Amino acid sequence: MENNSGAGGTKPDKFFAGKGFYIVLFLCIAVIAASVWTLVASSATDRETDLLETDINKPVGDFSDGEETIDADTEYESAMWEVPDYAEEVMVEPEAPEIASESAAEPTPQTVYETAKAFVWPVIGQIETPYSVTALVYDTTMSDWRTHDGIDIAAVLGEKVMAAASGTIVKLYSDQLYGTTVIIDHGEGLCSVYSNLAEIPTIKVGDAVLAGETIGSVGTTALCEIGKPTHLHFSMTLDGESVNPNDYLPSL
C-alpha cells in the first residue's frame, strides 16, 4: 500500500500554502492593533483622572501665572484679625455740634425805607374844580379859561386840613395867587401842596407829620379863587412835574 502523505503534503502545509497564510497574518495584525488601542486608551484615562484630581485638590489662590499660592492649612485667616502687641487703644469722644448763640442768631436791624405811601383825603368834600392841565377850564374869579394844576375840594371855613401822607414839611409860605401854602415831601420825589389855608398853620418847616395829622385849616387867602365857595386847593408834584391827585387819593 502506498503512502499518500508524500505526494499531497500535510494539511497544515496546504493551509499555509493557500489562503490560510493571509488569514493568520490578518489575525496577528488585529491582535497587535487591539493591544495598541488598549494601551493608548488606558494611558488617556489615567491622564484625565490625574488632571481631574489635580483641579479638585488645587487650593484657592494657586494660579498658573506664577502668583503666590495661599495654602488653606496656613494661619493666614486668623492672622488677619490678630491685634499687634504694640497697638494702643484710643478713645475718641465725639465733638458736640456748634450751637450759635442767641445774640448771633438775631438778625441785624436794617433800615426799611417806605416805598408805598398810604394816602388819605386832606378834607372830605366834593370836588368843585377838577384837575386839568391838558384842557382849559373856566375860572369864575378871573373870568377866563385856564389850566388847573390841582383839585378844589369843597370845605367849610376853618375846617381842619390833614396831611395826605406821612412826610416832612419842607415849605411854608404865602403865595400871591394861592395864599397860605404848605408843601410836604413824601420821599422819592413826591410832594403834596395845600393852598388857600388860614394865615396861621399849625406846623413849621422841618416838622415830620403822619398821614391824617392836622397841618392847618381852610381859609380864604387864595386871591385867584376868592370868587369860589370856600375850599382847599390841593395839588401834587412828582420830580417837580404836576400829577393828578386823584391817582393817589383813595376812592370815597
C-alpha atoms as a PDB file:
ATOM      1  CA  MET A   1       0.000   0.000   0.000  1.00  0.00           C
ATOM      2  CA  GLU A   2       1.358   3.384  -0.958  1.00  0.00           C
ATOM      3  CA  ASN A   3       1.792   6.356   1.421  1.00  0.00           C
ATOM      4  CA  ASN A   4      -0.214   9.410   0.145  1.00  0.00           C
ATOM      5  CA  SER A   5       1.363  11.861   2.552  1.00  0.00           C
ATOM      6  CA  GLY A   6       4.407  12.407   0.462  1.00  0.00           C
ATOM      7  CA  ALA A   7       2.566  13.168  -2.705  1.00  0.00           C
ATOM      8  CA  GLY A   8      -0.053  15.636  -1.487  1.00  0.00           C
ATOM      9  CA  GLY A   9       1.723  17.119   1.616  1.00  0.00           C
ATOM     10  CA  THR A  10       0.186  17.514   5.020  1.00  0.00           C
ATOM     11  CA  LYS A  11      -2.989  19.562   5.642  1.00  0.00           C
ATOM     12  CA  PRO A  12      -1.198  22.334   7.563  1.00  0.00           C
ATOM     13  CA  ASP A  13       1.189  22.769   4.703  1.00  0.00           C
ATOM     14  CA  LYS A  14      -1.662  23.045   2.303  1.00  0.00           C
ATOM     15  CA  PHE A  15      -3.440  25.536   4.583  1.00  0.00           C
ATOM     16  CA  PHE A  16      -0.488  27.905   4.814  1.00  0.00           C
ATOM     17  CA  ALA A  17       0.279  27.425   1.156  1.00  0.00           C
ATOM     18  CA  GLY A  18      -3.179  28.720   0.268  1.00  0.00           C
ATOM     19  CA  LYS A  19      -5.372  31.474   1.832  1.00  0.00           C
ATOM     20  CA  GLY A  20      -4.551  30.356   5.351  1.00  0.00           C
ATOM     21  CA  PHE A  21      -1.383  32.420   5.415  1.00  0.00           C
ATOM     22  CA  TYR A  22      -3.264  35.624   4.860  1.00  0.00           C
ATOM     23  CA  ILE A  23      -5.866  34.769   7.445  1.00  0.00           C
ATOM     24  CA  VAL A  24      -3.204  34.212  10.086  1.00  0.00           C
ATOM     25  CA  LEU A  25      -1.444  37.419   9.091  1.00  0.00           C
ATOM     26  CA  PHE A  26      -4.702  39.441   9.431  1.00  0.00           C
ATOM     27  CA  LEU A  27      -5.380  37.922  12.846  1.00  0.00           C
ATOM     28  CA  CYS A  28      -1.889  38.856  14.045  1.00  0.00           C
ATOM     29  CA  ILE A  29      -2.314  42.408  12.854  1.00  0.00           C
ATOM     30  CA  ALA A  30      -5.703  42.664  14.527  1.00  0.00           C
ATOM     31  CA  VAL A  31      -4.298  41.395  17.829  1.00  0.00           C
ATOM     32  CA  ILE A  32      -1.446  43.890  17.673  1.00  0.00           C
ATOM     33  CA  ALA A  33      -3.829  46.752  16.843  1.00  0.00           C
ATOM     34  CA  ALA A  34      -6.135  45.826  19.695  1.00  0.00           C
ATOM     35  CA  SER A  35      -3.213  45.716  22.107  1.00  0.00           C
ATOM     36  CA  VAL A  36      -2.007  49.174  20.991  1.00  0.00           C
ATOM     37  CA  TRP A  37      -5.519  50.672  21.260  1.00  0.00           C
ATOM     38  CA  THR A  38      -5.980  49.246  24.734  1.00  0.00           C
ATOM     39  CA  LEU A  39      -2.639  50.697  25.818  1.00  0.00           C
ATOM     40  CA  VAL A  40      -3.410  54.186  24.421  1.00  0.00           C
ATOM     41  CA  ALA A  41      -6.925  54.293  25.876  1.00  0.00           C
ATOM     42  CA  SER A  42      -5.653  53.256  29.288  1.00  0.00           C
ATOM     43  CA  SER A  43      -2.989  55.968  29.202  1.00  0.00           C
ATOM     44  CA  ALA A  44      -5.539  58.655  28.260  1.00  0.00           C
ATOM     45  CA  THR A  45      -7.914  57.593  31.020  1.00  0.00           C
ATOM     46  CA  ASP A  46      -5.155  57.719  33.642  1.00  0.00           C
ATOM     47  CA  ARG A  47      -4.157  61.193  32.453  1.00  0.00           C
ATOM     48  CA  GLU A  48      -7.745  62.544  32.684  1.00  0.00           C
ATOM     49  CA  THR A  49      -8.089  61.092  36.169  1.00  0.00           C
ATOM     50  CA  ASP A  50      -4.863  62.770  37.284  1.00  0.00           C
ATOM     51  CA  LEU A  51      -5.971  66.117  35.855  1.00  0.00           C
ATOM     52  CA  LEU A  52      -9.383  65.883  37.496  1.00  0.00           C
ATOM     53  CA  GLU A  53      -7.884  65.081  40.882  1.00  0.00           C
ATOM     54  CA  THR A  54      -5.390  67.905  40.464  1.00  0.00           C
ATOM     55  CA  ASP A  55      -8.154  70.501  39.758  1.00  0.00           C
ATOM     56  CA  ILE A  56     -10.294  69.326  42.661  1.00  0.00           C
ATOM     57  CA  ASN A  57      -7.455  69.364  45.175  1.00  0.00           C
ATOM     58  CA  LYS A  58      -5.997  72.601  43.882  1.00  0.00           C
ATOM     59  CA  PRO A  59      -6.280  75.259  46.671  1.00  0.00           C
ATOM     60  CA  VAL A  60      -7.700  78.765  46.157  1.00  0.00           C
ATOM     61  CA  GLY A  61      -5.005  81.190  45.064  1.00  0.00           C
ATOM     62  CA  ASP A  62      -2.941  78.640  43.141  1.00  0.00           C
ATOM     63  CA  PHE A  63      -2.811  80.470  39.853  1.00  0.00           C
ATOM     64  CA  SER A  64      -0.924  79.367  36.757  1.00  0.00           C
ATOM     65  CA  ASP A  65       0.596  82.811  36.157  1.00  0.00           C
ATOM     66  CA  GLY A  66       3.138  82.458  38.929  1.00  0.00           C
ATOM     67  CA  GLU A  67       1.255  84.214  41.758  1.00  0.00           C
ATOM     68  CA  GLU A  68       1.934  83.072  45.257  1.00  0.00           C
ATOM     69  CA  THR A  69      -0.267  80.200  46.370  1.00  0.00           C
ATOM     70  CA  ILE A  70      -2.220  80.592  49.603  1.00  0.00           C
ATOM     71  CA  ASP A  71      -2.292  77.329  51.454  1.00  0.00           C
ATOM     72  CA  ALA A  72      -5.610  76.631  53.145  1.00  0.00           C
ATOM     73  CA  ASP A  73      -3.765  74.943  56.015  1.00  0.00           C
ATOM     74  CA  THR A  74      -1.840  78.097  56.949  1.00  0.00           C
ATOM     75  CA  GLU A  75      -2.923  80.503  59.696  1.00  0.00           C
ATOM     76  CA  TYR A  76      -3.391  83.391  57.252  1.00  0.00           C
ATOM     77  CA  GLU A  77      -7.072  83.958  58.001  1.00  0.00           C
ATOM     78  CA  SER A  78      -6.624  84.062  61.768  1.00  0.00           C
ATOM     79  CA  ALA A  79      -3.549  86.279  61.438  1.00  0.00           C
ATOM     80  CA  MET A  80      -5.606  88.935  59.708  1.00  0.00           C
ATOM     81  CA  TRP A  81      -7.648  89.649  62.865  1.00  0.00           C
ATOM     82  CA  GLU A  82      -4.886  89.472  65.423  1.00  0.00           C
ATOM     83  CA  VAL A  83      -4.181  92.772  67.212  1.00  0.00           C
ATOM     84  CA  PRO A  84      -0.458  93.529  67.351  1.00  0.00           C
ATOM     85  CA  ASP A  85       1.170  93.917  70.767  1.00  0.00           C
ATOM     86  CA  TYR A  86       2.284  97.478  70.054  1.00  0.00           C
ATOM     87  CA  ALA A  87      -1.252  98.719  69.281  1.00  0.00           C
ATOM     88  CA  GLU A  88      -2.751 101.219  71.729  1.00  0.00           C
ATOM     89  CA  GLU A  89      -6.439 101.699  72.376  1.00  0.00           C
ATOM     90  CA  VAL A  90      -7.509 105.270  71.795  1.00  0.00           C
ATOM     91  CA  MET A  91     -10.918 106.542  72.901  1.00  0.00           C
ATOM     92  CA  VAL A  92     -12.211 109.428  70.777  1.00  0.00           C
ATOM     93  CA  GLU A  93     -15.022 111.450  72.261  1.00  0.00           C
ATOM     94  CA  PRO A  94     -17.492 112.871  69.706  1.00  0.00           C
ATOM     95  CA  GLU A  95     -17.394 116.618  69.363  1.00  0.00           C
ATOM     96  CA  ALA A  96     -20.533 118.466  70.382  1.00  0.00           C
ATOM     97  CA  PRO A  97     -22.171 120.351  67.494  1.00  0.00           C
ATOM     98  CA  GLU A  98     -21.667 124.073  67.484  1.00  0.00           C
ATOM     99  CA  ILE A  99     -24.726 125.969  68.669  1.00  0.00           C
ATOM    100  CA  ALA A 100     -24.997 129.553  67.601  1.00  0.00           C
ATOM    101  CA  SER A 101     -25.544 131.956  70.433  1.00  0.00           C
ATOM    102  CA  GLU A 102     -28.844 133.738  70.713  1.00  0.00           C
ATOM    103  CA  SER A 103     -27.179 137.050  70.014  1.00  0.00           C
ATOM    104  CA  ALA A 104     -25.670 135.701  66.794  1.00  0.00           C
ATOM    105  CA  ALA A 105     -28.997 134.250  65.694  1.00  0.00           C
ATOM    106  CA  GLU A 106     -30.728 137.593  65.949  1.00  0.00           C
ATOM    107  CA  PRO A 107     -30.857 139.368  62.575  1.00  0.00           C
ATOM    108  CA  THR A 108     -29.068 142.655  62.253  1.00  0.00           C
ATOM    109  CA  PRO A 109     -31.573 145.519  62.218  1.00  0.00           C
ATOM    110  CA  GLN A 110     -31.819 147.120  58.812  1.00  0.00           C
ATOM    111  CA  THR A 111     -33.282 150.414  57.802  1.00  0.00           C
ATOM    112  CA  VAL A 112     -36.507 149.931  55.887  1.00  0.00           C
ATOM    113  CA  TYR A 113     -37.496 152.711  53.561  1.00  0.00           C
ATOM    114  CA  GLU A 114     -41.183 153.193  52.940  1.00  0.00           C
ATOM    115  CA  THR A 115     -41.826 152.977  49.203  1.00  0.00           C
ATOM    116  CA  ALA A 116     -45.616 152.851  49.168  1.00  0.00           C
ATOM    117  CA  LYS A 117     -47.401 155.665  50.976  1.00  0.00           C
ATOM    118  CA  ALA A 118     -50.873 155.330  52.466  1.00  0.00           C
ATOM    119  CA  PHE A 119     -52.824 158.402  51.346  1.00  0.00           C
ATOM    120  CA  VAL A 120     -55.886 159.967  52.934  1.00  0.00           C
ATOM    121  CA  TRP A 121     -58.072 162.859  51.831  1.00  0.00           C
ATOM    122  CA  PRO A 122     -56.848 166.156  53.330  1.00  0.00           C
ATOM    123  CA  VAL A 123     -60.503 167.221  53.729  1.00  0.00           C
ATOM    124  CA  ILE A 124     -63.701 165.386  52.943  1.00  0.00           C
ATOM    125  CA  GLY A 125     -65.878 167.098  50.383  1.00  0.00           C
ATOM    126  CA  GLN A 126     -66.955 167.333  46.776  1.00  0.00           C
ATOM    127  CA  ILE A 127     -64.524 168.345  44.051  1.00  0.00           C
ATOM    128  CA  GLU A 128     -65.633 171.788  42.811  1.00  0.00           C
ATOM    129  CA  THR A 129     -62.914 172.141  40.150  1.00  0.00           C
ATOM    130  CA  PRO A 130     -61.205 169.050  38.717  1.00  0.00           C
ATOM    131  CA  TYR A 131     -57.565 168.521  37.783  1.00  0.00           C
ATOM    132  CA  SER A 132     -56.940 169.719  34.235  1.00  0.00           C
ATOM    133  CA  VAL A 133     -53.568 170.557  32.696  1.00  0.00           C
ATOM    134  CA  THR A 134     -54.307 169.490  29.115  1.00  0.00           C
ATOM    135  CA  ALA A 135     -57.694 171.215  28.732  1.00  0.00           C
ATOM    136  CA  LEU A 136     -58.782 174.707  29.761  1.00  0.00           C
ATOM    137  CA  VAL A 137     -61.456 175.240  32.444  1.00  0.00           C
ATOM    138  CA  TYR A 138     -63.385 178.402  33.137  1.00  0.00           C
ATOM    139  CA  ASP A 139     -62.233 180.378  36.225  1.00  0.00           C
ATOM    140  CA  THR A 140     -65.151 182.334  37.724  1.00  0.00           C
ATOM    141  CA  THR A 141     -62.837 184.544  39.786  1.00  0.00           C
ATOM    142  CA  MET A 142     -60.549 185.546  36.919  1.00  0.00           C
ATOM    143  CA  SER A 143     -63.358 185.288  34.339  1.00  0.00           C
ATOM    144  CA  ASP A 144     -61.162 183.434  31.876  1.00  0.00           C
ATOM    145  CA  TRP A 145     -60.180 179.969  30.687  1.00  0.00           C
ATOM    146  CA  ARG A 146     -57.054 178.430  32.133  1.00  0.00           C
ATOM    147  CA  THR A 147     -55.468 175.169  33.255  1.00  0.00           C
ATOM    148  CA  HIS A 148     -55.952 173.885  36.800  1.00  0.00           C
ATOM    149  CA  ASP A 149     -52.985 172.020  38.362  1.00  0.00           C
ATOM    150  CA  GLY A 150     -54.916 170.616  41.326  1.00  0.00           C
ATOM    151  CA  ILE A 151     -58.373 169.876  42.675  1.00  0.00           C
ATOM    152  CA  ASP A 152     -60.581 172.244  44.642  1.00  0.00           C
ATOM    153  CA  ILE A 153     -62.248 170.305  47.487  1.00  0.00           C
ATOM    154  CA  ALA A 154     -65.284 172.000  48.986  1.00  0.00           C
ATOM    155  CA  ALA A 155     -65.000 172.582  52.753  1.00  0.00           C
ATOM    156  CA  VAL A 156     -66.393 174.950  55.373  1.00  0.00           C
ATOM    157  CA  LEU A 157     -64.279 177.828  56.554  1.00  0.00           C
ATOM    158  CA  GLY A 158     -61.962 176.797  59.395  1.00  0.00           C
ATOM    159  CA  GLU A 159     -62.227 173.034  58.703  1.00  0.00           C
ATOM    160  CA  LYS A 160     -59.095 171.157  59.700  1.00  0.00           C
ATOM    161  CA  VAL A 161     -56.727 170.191  56.860  1.00  0.00           C
ATOM    162  CA  MET A 162     -54.811 166.920  57.267  1.00  0.00           C
ATOM    163  CA  ALA A 163     -51.564 165.652  55.767  1.00  0.00           C
ATOM    164  CA  ALA A 164     -52.433 163.386  52.853  1.00  0.00           C
ATOM    165  CA  ALA A 165     -49.496 161.040  53.704  1.00  0.00           C
ATOM    166  CA  SER A 166     -46.571 160.882  56.087  1.00  0.00           C
ATOM    167  CA  GLY A 167     -43.642 163.133  55.252  1.00  0.00           C
ATOM    168  CA  THR A 168     -41.707 166.258  56.185  1.00  0.00           C
ATOM    169  CA  ILE A 169     -42.783 169.902  55.971  1.00  0.00           C
ATOM    170  CA  VAL A 170     -40.353 171.453  53.510  1.00  0.00           C
ATOM    171  CA  LYS A 171     -42.081 174.769  52.686  1.00  0.00           C
ATOM    172  CA  LEU A 172     -44.497 177.151  54.416  1.00  0.00           C
ATOM    173  CA  TYR A 173     -45.132 180.456  52.630  1.00  0.00           C
ATOM    174  CA  SER A 174     -47.754 182.936  51.379  1.00  0.00           C
ATOM    175  CA  ASP A 175     -48.295 182.710  47.611  1.00  0.00           C
ATOM    176  CA  GLN A 176     -49.531 185.860  45.809  1.00  0.00           C
ATOM    177  CA  LEU A 177     -52.274 183.911  43.984  1.00  0.00           C
ATOM    178  CA  TYR A 178     -52.939 180.822  46.125  1.00  0.00           C
ATOM    179  CA  GLY A 179     -52.481 182.335  49.588  1.00  0.00           C
ATOM    180  CA  THR A 180     -51.050 180.445  52.572  1.00  0.00           C
ATOM    181  CA  THR A 181     -49.393 177.299  51.213  1.00  0.00           C
ATOM    182  CA  VAL A 182     -47.761 174.235  52.833  1.00  0.00           C
ATOM    183  CA  ILE A 183     -45.642 171.678  50.949  1.00  0.00           C
ATOM    184  CA  ILE A 184     -44.957 168.176  52.343  1.00  0.00           C
ATOM    185  CA  ASP A 185     -42.192 165.991  50.936  1.00  0.00           C
ATOM    186  CA  HIS A 186     -43.223 162.302  50.947  1.00  0.00           C
ATOM    187  CA  GLY A 187     -39.947 160.974  49.551  1.00  0.00           C
ATOM    188  CA  GLU A 188     -38.971 159.555  46.166  1.00  0.00           C
ATOM    189  CA  GLY A 189     -39.654 162.930  44.535  1.00  0.00           C
ATOM    190  CA  LEU A 190     -43.337 163.038  45.528  1.00  0.00           C
ATOM    191  CA  CYS A 191     -44.758 166.157  47.206  1.00  0.00           C
ATOM    192  CA  SER A 192     -48.248 167.375  48.171  1.00  0.00           C
ATOM    193  CA  VAL A 193     -49.255 171.058  48.121  1.00  0.00           C
ATOM    194  CA  TYR A 194     -52.018 172.614  50.315  1.00  0.00           C
ATOM    195  CA  SER A 195     -53.203 176.126  49.371  1.00  0.00           C
ATOM    196  CA  ASN A 196     -55.898 178.609  50.430  1.00  0.00           C
ATOM    197  CA  LEU A 197     -55.159 177.812  54.083  1.00  0.00           C
ATOM    198  CA  ALA A 198     -55.800 180.118  57.019  1.00  0.00           C
ATOM    199  CA  GLU A 199     -52.994 182.543  57.652  1.00  0.00           C
ATOM    200  CA  ILE A 200     -51.553 180.716  60.676  1.00  0.00           C
ATOM    201  CA  PRO A 201     -50.835 176.973  60.079  1.00  0.00           C
ATOM    202  CA  THR A 202     -50.297 174.576  62.991  1.00  0.00           C
ATOM    203  CA  ILE A 203     -46.888 173.319  61.828  1.00  0.00           C
ATOM    204  CA  LYS A 204     -43.470 174.681  60.873  1.00  0.00           C
ATOM    205  CA  VAL A 205     -40.771 173.798  58.335  1.00  0.00           C
ATOM    206  CA  GLY A 206     -38.849 170.675  59.310  1.00  0.00           C
ATOM    207  CA  ASP A 207     -41.710 169.001  61.182  1.00  0.00           C
ATOM    208  CA  ALA A 208     -42.359 165.346  60.452  1.00  0.00           C
ATOM    209  CA  VAL A 209     -46.038 164.574  60.050  1.00  0.00           C
ATOM    210  CA  LEU A 210     -48.108 161.426  59.698  1.00  0.00           C
ATOM    211  CA  ALA A 211     -50.964 160.756  57.337  1.00  0.00           C
ATOM    212  CA  GLY A 212     -54.112 162.307  58.805  1.00  0.00           C
ATOM    213  CA  GLU A 213     -52.225 164.709  61.085  1.00  0.00           C
ATOM    214  CA  THR A 214     -53.579 168.292  61.165  1.00  0.00           C
ATOM    215  CA  ILE A 215     -51.385 170.847  59.410  1.00  0.00           C
ATOM    216  CA  GLY A 216     -53.783 173.859  59.285  1.00  0.00           C
ATOM    217  CA  SER A 217     -57.357 174.885  58.402  1.00  0.00           C
ATOM    218  CA  VAL A 218     -59.342 176.007  55.369  1.00  0.00           C
ATOM    219  CA  GLY A 219     -59.130 179.799  54.805  1.00  0.00           C
ATOM    220  CA  THR A 220     -59.813 182.452  52.158  1.00  0.00           C
ATOM    221  CA  THR A 221     -56.262 183.541  51.322  1.00  0.00           C
ATOM    222  CA  ALA A 222     -56.207 182.440  47.635  1.00  0.00           C
ATOM    223  CA  LEU A 223     -56.914 185.657  45.726  1.00  0.00           C
ATOM    224  CA  CYS A 224     -57.183 183.862  42.380  1.00  0.00           C
ATOM    225  CA  GLU A 225     -60.028 181.698  43.729  1.00  0.00           C
ATOM    226  CA  ILE A 226     -61.751 184.155  46.066  1.00  0.00           C
ATOM    227  CA  GLY A 227     -64.889 184.075  43.922  1.00  0.00           C
ATOM    228  CA  LYS A 228     -65.471 180.363  44.608  1.00  0.00           C
ATOM    229  CA  PRO A 229     -67.105 178.820  47.682  1.00  0.00           C
ATOM    230  CA  THR A 230     -64.643 178.034  50.490  1.00  0.00           C
ATOM    231  CA  HIS A 231     -62.422 175.122  49.600  1.00  0.00           C
ATOM    232  CA  LEU A 232     -58.937 173.608  49.805  1.00  0.00           C
ATOM    233  CA  HIS A 233     -56.780 173.843  46.715  1.00  0.00           C
ATOM    234  CA  PHE A 234     -54.857 170.541  46.755  1.00  0.00           C
ATOM    235  CA  SER A 235     -52.168 169.658  44.198  1.00  0.00           C
ATOM    236  CA  MET A 236     -49.256 167.174  43.871  1.00  0.00           C
ATOM    237  CA  THR A 237     -45.925 167.023  42.049  1.00  0.00           C
ATOM    238  CA  LEU A 238     -43.581 164.177  41.142  1.00  0.00           C
ATOM    239  CA  ASP A 239     -39.983 165.177  40.483  1.00  0.00           C
ATOM    240  CA  GLY A 240     -41.221 168.761  40.086  1.00  0.00           C
ATOM    241  CA  GLU A 241     -43.879 167.903  37.494  1.00  0.00           C
ATOM    242  CA  SER A 242     -47.600 168.241  38.146  1.00  0.00           C
ATOM    243  CA  VAL A 243     -49.526 164.969  38.672  1.00  0.00           C
ATOM    244  CA  ASN A 244     -53.201 164.205  39.217  1.00  0.00           C
ATOM    245  CA  PRO A 245     -54.014 163.910  42.969  1.00  0.00           C
ATOM    246  CA  ASN A 246     -56.848 161.522  42.127  1.00  0.00           C
ATOM    247  CA  ASP A 247     -54.226 158.925  41.140  1.00  0.00           C
ATOM    248  CA  TYR A 248     -53.057 158.802  44.789  1.00  0.00           C
ATOM    249  CA  LEU A 249     -56.104 159.525  46.913  1.00  0.00           C
ATOM    250  CA  PRO A 250     -58.347 156.590  47.901  1.00  0.00           C
ATOM    251  CA  SER A 251     -61.831 156.228  46.473  1.00  0.00           C
ATOM    252  CA  LEU A 252     -64.578 157.738  48.596  1.00  0.00           C
END
